[in-house]
Amino acid sequence: MKIYTKTGDDGSSSLANGQRVSKTDARLEAYGTADELNAFVGLLRCHLTEDDSAYQQTEWIQNKLFNLGAALACAPGQWLSDEDVTQLEQWIDDIQSQLPTTHGFVLPGGNETISLCHVCRTVTRRLERQIIGWCEQEECKSNEIRKFVNRLSDFWFVLGQKCGKNAGIALFLWKK
């Protein structure tokens, strides 16, 4: 089977239910960003060691991002749950309990791993905005999707701090 179908040459794409929509459709923008985020998470995982809990956590997140893409492509089924949101919250709380209190705004940087956490955070925030925009245009019933993506950006933020702490790199704080 060939990888190209030529069906999108007119600027349209097919949703999971067979409906054709413009490649600029808000839903396609969102799941394209979910795919982009997943690629960055894969790159981030290359910088983690397999014995680090973050390695397994990011693998779990990559699978959930595929679920999110399926949900956005309007494939029937429950793709994300409140339990997924709770899992992220538990990881965030666990990581935060190991970090010193931060006073000020953290700037991205320190090393590649920390920077990749911030790239994941910012792409997740863009994904969140796109999902909210889509929900404002169409009837969007899945609060789990919005909650999951909102918590996910917080996860990347604290993971970046954890990676810095583990590497002995001080936070870069914003100086007015």
C-alpha atoms as a PDB file:
ATOM      1  CA  MET A   1       0.000   0.000   0.000  1.00  0.00           C
ATOM      2  CA  LYS A   2       1.341   3.419  -0.931  1.00  0.00           C
ATOM      3  CA  ILE A   3       1.798   6.061   1.778  1.00  0.00           C
ATOM      4  CA  TYR A   4       0.213   8.755  -0.365  1.00  0.00           C
ATOM      5  CA  THR A   5      -3.471   8.714  -1.224  1.00  0.00           C
ATOM      6  CA  LYS A   6      -3.775  11.985  -3.178  1.00  0.00           C
ATOM      7  CA  THR A   7      -7.131  12.576  -1.457  1.00  0.00           C
ATOM      8  CA  GLY A   8      -5.768  15.621   0.353  1.00  0.00           C
ATOM      9  CA  ASP A   9      -4.434  17.341  -2.733  1.00  0.00           C
ATOM     10  CA  ASP A  10      -7.481  19.610  -2.728  1.00  0.00           C
ATOM     11  CA  GLY A  11      -6.664  20.913   0.773  1.00  0.00           C
ATOM     12  CA  SER A  12      -9.081  18.649   2.604  1.00  0.00           C
ATOM     13  CA  SER A  13      -8.619  15.759   5.001  1.00  0.00           C
ATOM     14  CA  SER A  14     -10.810  12.974   6.248  1.00  0.00           C
ATOM     15  CA  LEU A  15     -11.954  12.650   9.851  1.00  0.00           C
ATOM     16  CA  ALA A  16     -12.335   9.214  11.429  1.00  0.00           C
ATOM     17  CA  ASN A  17     -16.049   9.214  10.568  1.00  0.00           C
ATOM     18  CA  GLY A  18     -15.272   9.792   6.871  1.00  0.00           C
ATOM     19  CA  GLN A  19     -16.310  13.472   6.873  1.00  0.00           C
ATOM     20  CA  ARG A  20     -14.040  15.647   4.712  1.00  0.00           C
ATOM     21  CA  VAL A  21     -12.927  18.959   6.213  1.00  0.00           C
ATOM     22  CA  SER A  22     -10.448  21.665   5.310  1.00  0.00           C
ATOM     23  CA  LYS A  23      -6.898  21.078   6.473  1.00  0.00           C
ATOM     24  CA  THR A  24      -7.245  24.414   8.277  1.00  0.00           C
ATOM     25  CA  ASP A  25     -10.218  23.148  10.321  1.00  0.00           C
ATOM     26  CA  ALA A  26      -9.820  23.860  14.046  1.00  0.00           C
ATOM     27  CA  ARG A  27     -10.040  20.159  14.864  1.00  0.00           C
ATOM     28  CA  LEU A  28      -7.226  19.302  12.438  1.00  0.00           C
ATOM     29  CA  GLU A  29      -5.134  22.154  13.799  1.00  0.00           C
ATOM     30  CA  ALA A  30      -5.562  20.709  17.289  1.00  0.00           C
ATOM     31  CA  TYR A  31      -4.706  17.127  16.481  1.00  0.00           C
ATOM     32  CA  GLY A  32      -1.819  18.270  14.303  1.00  0.00           C
ATOM     33  CA  THR A  33      -0.484  20.117  17.337  1.00  0.00           C
ATOM     34  CA  ALA A  34      -1.036  16.997  19.467  1.00  0.00           C
ATOM     35  CA  ASP A  35       1.084  15.117  16.917  1.00  0.00           C
ATOM     36  CA  GLU A  36       3.763  17.833  17.034  1.00  0.00           C
ATOM     37  CA  LEU A  37       3.776  17.671  20.824  1.00  0.00           C
ATOM     38  CA  ASN A  38       4.117  13.898  20.691  1.00  0.00           C
ATOM     39  CA  ALA A  39       7.200  14.277  18.477  1.00  0.00           C
ATOM     40  CA  PHE A  40       8.771  16.684  20.981  1.00  0.00           C
ATOM     41  CA  VAL A  41       7.941  14.311  23.840  1.00  0.00           C
ATOM     42  CA  GLY A  42       9.719  11.565  21.886  1.00  0.00           C
ATOM     43  CA  LEU A  43      12.759  13.816  21.576  1.00  0.00           C
ATOM     44  CA  LEU A  44      12.602  14.614  25.292  1.00  0.00           C
ATOM     45  CA  ARG A  45      12.513  10.882  26.097  1.00  0.00           C
ATOM     46  CA  CYS A  46      15.823  10.507  24.232  1.00  0.00           C
ATOM     47  CA  HIS A  47      17.356  12.689  26.961  1.00  0.00           C
ATOM     48  CA  LEU A  48      15.948  10.641  29.860  1.00  0.00           C
ATOM     49  CA  THR A  49      17.279   7.393  31.249  1.00  0.00           C
ATOM     50  CA  GLU A  50      15.057   4.328  31.279  1.00  0.00           C
ATOM     51  CA  ASP A  51      15.406   3.973  35.058  1.00  0.00           C
ATOM     52  CA  ASP A  52      14.012   7.501  35.614  1.00  0.00           C
ATOM     53  CA  SER A  53      10.289   7.578  36.395  1.00  0.00           C
ATOM     54  CA  ALA A  54       9.966  10.432  33.890  1.00  0.00           C
ATOM     55  CA  TYR A  55      10.906   8.014  31.117  1.00  0.00           C
ATOM     56  CA  GLN A  56       7.905   5.794  31.864  1.00  0.00           C
ATOM     57  CA  GLN A  57       5.679   8.812  32.490  1.00  0.00           C
ATOM     58  CA  THR A  58       6.512  10.330  29.114  1.00  0.00           C
ATOM     59  CA  GLU A  59       5.830   6.999  27.399  1.00  0.00           C
ATOM     60  CA  TRP A  60       2.393   6.948  29.066  1.00  0.00           C
ATOM     61  CA  ILE A  61       1.830  10.556  27.964  1.00  0.00           C
ATOM     62  CA  GLN A  62       2.747   9.727  24.366  1.00  0.00           C
ATOM     63  CA  ASN A  63       0.080   7.027  24.302  1.00  0.00           C
ATOM     64  CA  LYS A  64      -2.460   9.427  25.818  1.00  0.00           C
ATOM     65  CA  LEU A  65      -1.593  12.018  23.164  1.00  0.00           C
ATOM     66  CA  PHE A  66      -2.462   9.444  20.502  1.00  0.00           C
ATOM     67  CA  ASN A  67      -5.753   8.885  22.331  1.00  0.00           C
ATOM     68  CA  LEU A  68      -6.309  12.642  22.328  1.00  0.00           C
ATOM     69  CA  GLY A  69      -5.685  12.763  18.581  1.00  0.00           C
ATOM     70  CA  ALA A  70      -8.194   9.958  18.053  1.00  0.00           C
ATOM     71  CA  ALA A  71     -10.777  11.813  20.135  1.00  0.00           C
ATOM     72  CA  LEU A  72     -10.207  14.990  18.130  1.00  0.00           C
ATOM     73  CA  ALA A  73     -10.507  13.025  14.880  1.00  0.00           C
ATOM     74  CA  CYS A  74     -14.013  12.158  16.161  1.00  0.00           C
ATOM     75  CA  ALA A  75     -13.349   8.474  16.487  1.00  0.00           C
ATOM     76  CA  PRO A  76     -16.054   7.034  18.718  1.00  0.00           C
ATOM     77  CA  GLY A  77     -15.073   5.975  22.221  1.00  0.00           C
ATOM     78  CA  GLN A  78     -13.855   7.294  25.547  1.00  0.00           C
ATOM     79  CA  TRP A  79     -10.224   8.198  24.921  1.00  0.00           C
ATOM     80  CA  LEU A  80      -9.315  10.148  28.059  1.00  0.00           C
ATOM     81  CA  SER A  81     -10.754   9.884  31.550  1.00  0.00           C
ATOM     82  CA  ASP A  82     -10.810  11.640  34.891  1.00  0.00           C
ATOM     83  CA  GLU A  83      -8.383   8.933  36.054  1.00  0.00           C
ATOM     84  CA  ASP A  84      -5.879  10.141  33.445  1.00  0.00           C
ATOM     85  CA  VAL A  85      -6.177  13.676  34.815  1.00  0.00           C
ATOM     86  CA  THR A  86      -5.745  12.348  38.358  1.00  0.00           C
ATOM     87  CA  GLN A  87      -2.630  10.440  37.301  1.00  0.00           C
ATOM     88  CA  LEU A  88      -1.035  13.636  35.999  1.00  0.00           C
ATOM     89  CA  GLU A  89      -1.977  15.466  39.196  1.00  0.00           C
ATOM     90  CA  GLN A  90      -0.348  12.744  41.304  1.00  0.00           C
ATOM     91  CA  TRP A  91       2.860  12.957  39.286  1.00  0.00           C
ATOM     92  CA  ILE A  92       2.879  16.755  39.518  1.00  0.00           C
ATOM     93  CA  ASP A  93       2.354  16.625  43.297  1.00  0.00           C
ATOM     94  CA  ASP A  94       5.088  14.008  43.682  1.00  0.00           C
ATOM     95  CA  ILE A  95       7.600  16.013  41.660  1.00  0.00           C
ATOM     96  CA  GLN A  96       6.691  19.277  43.402  1.00  0.00           C
ATOM     97  CA  SER A  97       7.214  17.677  46.810  1.00  0.00           C
ATOM     98  CA  GLN A  98      10.851  17.090  45.828  1.00  0.00           C
ATOM     99  CA  LEU A  99      11.476  20.667  44.669  1.00  0.00           C
ATOM    100  CA  PRO A 100      12.249  23.818  46.607  1.00  0.00           C
ATOM    101  CA  THR A 101       9.634  26.558  46.562  1.00  0.00           C
ATOM    102  CA  THR A 102      10.120  28.894  43.620  1.00  0.00           C
ATOM    103  CA  HIS A 103       9.761  32.653  44.034  1.00  0.00           C
ATOM    104  CA  GLY A 104       9.538  34.330  40.660  1.00  0.00           C
ATOM    105  CA  PHE A 105       8.969  33.436  37.042  1.00  0.00           C
ATOM    106  CA  VAL A 106      11.128  30.642  35.648  1.00  0.00           C
ATOM    107  CA  LEU A 107      12.783  31.235  32.294  1.00  0.00           C
ATOM    108  CA  PRO A 108      13.304  28.278  29.949  1.00  0.00           C
ATOM    109  CA  GLY A 109      16.842  26.955  29.690  1.00  0.00           C
ATOM    110  CA  GLY A 110      19.703  25.414  31.576  1.00  0.00           C
ATOM    111  CA  ASN A 111      20.354  22.433  29.354  1.00  0.00           C
ATOM    112  CA  GLU A 112      18.700  20.634  26.440  1.00  0.00           C
ATOM    113  CA  THR A 113      16.474  18.451  28.604  1.00  0.00           C
ATOM    114  CA  ILE A 114      15.107  21.368  30.605  1.00  0.00           C
ATOM    115  CA  SER A 115      14.590  23.351  27.417  1.00  0.00           C
ATOM    116  CA  LEU A 116      12.710  20.453  25.817  1.00  0.00           C
ATOM    117  CA  CYS A 117      10.408  20.320  28.835  1.00  0.00           C
ATOM    118  CA  HIS A 118       9.617  23.990  28.200  1.00  0.00           C
ATOM    119  CA  VAL A 119       9.080  23.359  24.484  1.00  0.00           C
ATOM    120  CA  CYS A 120       6.611  20.612  25.432  1.00  0.00           C
ATOM    121  CA  ARG A 121       4.958  23.025  27.874  1.00  0.00           C
ATOM    122  CA  THR A 122       4.511  25.774  25.292  1.00  0.00           C
ATOM    123  CA  VAL A 123       3.266  23.418  22.566  1.00  0.00           C
ATOM    124  CA  THR A 124       0.820  21.968  25.112  1.00  0.00           C
ATOM    125  CA  ARG A 125      -0.452  25.487  25.872  1.00  0.00           C
ATOM    126  CA  ARG A 126      -0.984  26.081  22.137  1.00  0.00           C
ATOM    127  CA  LEU A 127      -2.831  22.763  21.916  1.00  0.00           C
ATOM    128  CA  GLU A 128      -5.003  23.839  24.830  1.00  0.00           C
ATOM    129  CA  ARG A 129      -5.895  27.118  23.103  1.00  0.00           C
ATOM    130  CA  GLN A 130      -6.742  25.250  19.898  1.00  0.00           C
ATOM    131  CA  ILE A 131      -8.945  22.751  21.732  1.00  0.00           C
ATOM    132  CA  ILE A 132     -10.788  25.570  23.499  1.00  0.00           C
ATOM    133  CA  GLY A 133     -11.233  27.353  20.164  1.00  0.00           C
ATOM    134  CA  TRP A 134     -12.616  24.198  18.610  1.00  0.00           C
ATOM    135  CA  CYS A 135     -14.942  23.693  21.583  1.00  0.00           C
ATOM    136  CA  GLU A 136     -16.241  27.236  21.165  1.00  0.00           C
ATOM    137  CA  GLN A 137     -17.030  26.549  17.482  1.00  0.00           C
ATOM    138  CA  GLU A 138     -18.578  23.104  17.902  1.00  0.00           C
ATOM    139  CA  GLU A 139     -20.391  21.205  20.582  1.00  0.00           C
ATOM    140  CA  CYS A 140     -17.551  19.804  22.666  1.00  0.00           C
ATOM    141  CA  LYS A 141     -18.596  17.359  25.345  1.00  0.00           C
ATOM    142  CA  SER A 142     -15.265  16.159  26.686  1.00  0.00           C
ATOM    143  CA  ASN A 143     -14.159  18.100  29.737  1.00  0.00           C
ATOM    144  CA  GLU A 144     -11.532  15.395  30.284  1.00  0.00           C
ATOM    145  CA  ILE A 145      -9.661  16.524  27.178  1.00  0.00           C
ATOM    146  CA  ARG A 146      -9.462  20.124  28.382  1.00  0.00           C
ATOM    147  CA  LYS A 147      -8.504  19.124  31.921  1.00  0.00           C
ATOM    148  CA  PHE A 148      -5.899  16.652  30.720  1.00  0.00           C
ATOM    149  CA  VAL A 149      -4.170  19.172  28.465  1.00  0.00           C
ATOM    150  CA  ASN A 150      -4.279  21.851  31.167  1.00  0.00           C
ATOM    151  CA  ARG A 151      -2.583  19.539  33.687  1.00  0.00           C
ATOM    152  CA  LEU A 152      -0.123  18.318  31.078  1.00  0.00           C
ATOM    153  CA  SER A 153       1.407  21.780  30.685  1.00  0.00           C
ATOM    154  CA  ASP A 154       1.874  21.912  34.464  1.00  0.00           C
ATOM    155  CA  PHE A 155       3.549  18.503  34.332  1.00  0.00           C
ATOM    156  CA  TRP A 156       6.117  19.740  31.791  1.00  0.00           C
ATOM    157  CA  PHE A 157       6.850  22.775  33.970  1.00  0.00           C
ATOM    158  CA  VAL A 158       7.632  20.750  37.101  1.00  0.00           C
ATOM    159  CA  LEU A 159       9.441  18.061  35.108  1.00  0.00           C
ATOM    160  CA  GLY A 160      11.760  20.763  33.770  1.00  0.00           C
ATOM    161  CA  GLN A 161      12.497  21.848  37.330  1.00  0.00           C
ATOM    162  CA  LYS A 162      13.116  18.255  38.392  1.00  0.00           C
ATOM    163  CA  CYS A 163      15.497  17.708  35.469  1.00  0.00           C
ATOM    164  CA  GLY A 164      17.376  20.862  36.456  1.00  0.00           C
ATOM    165  CA  LYS A 165      17.597  19.800  40.076  1.00  0.00           C
ATOM    166  CA  ASN A 166      18.852  16.334  39.070  1.00  0.00           C
ATOM    167  CA  ALA A 167      21.516  17.925  36.868  1.00  0.00           C
ATOM    168  CA  GLY A 168      22.523  20.433  39.547  1.00  0.00           C
ATOM    169  CA  ILE A 169      21.391  23.377  37.428  1.00  0.00           C
ATOM    170  CA  ALA A 170      19.869  26.378  39.190  1.00  0.00           C
ATOM    171  CA  LEU A 171      16.615  27.834  37.918  1.00  0.00           C
ATOM    172  CA  PHE A 172      16.836  30.801  35.611  1.00  0.00           C
ATOM    173  CA  LEU A 173      14.529  33.387  37.136  1.00  0.00           C
ATOM    174  CA  TRP A 174      13.194  36.412  35.329  1.00  0.00           C
ATOM    175  CA  LYS A 175      14.874  39.663  36.286  1.00  0.00           C
ATOM    176  CA  LYS A 176      12.898  42.798  35.571  1.00  0.00           C
END
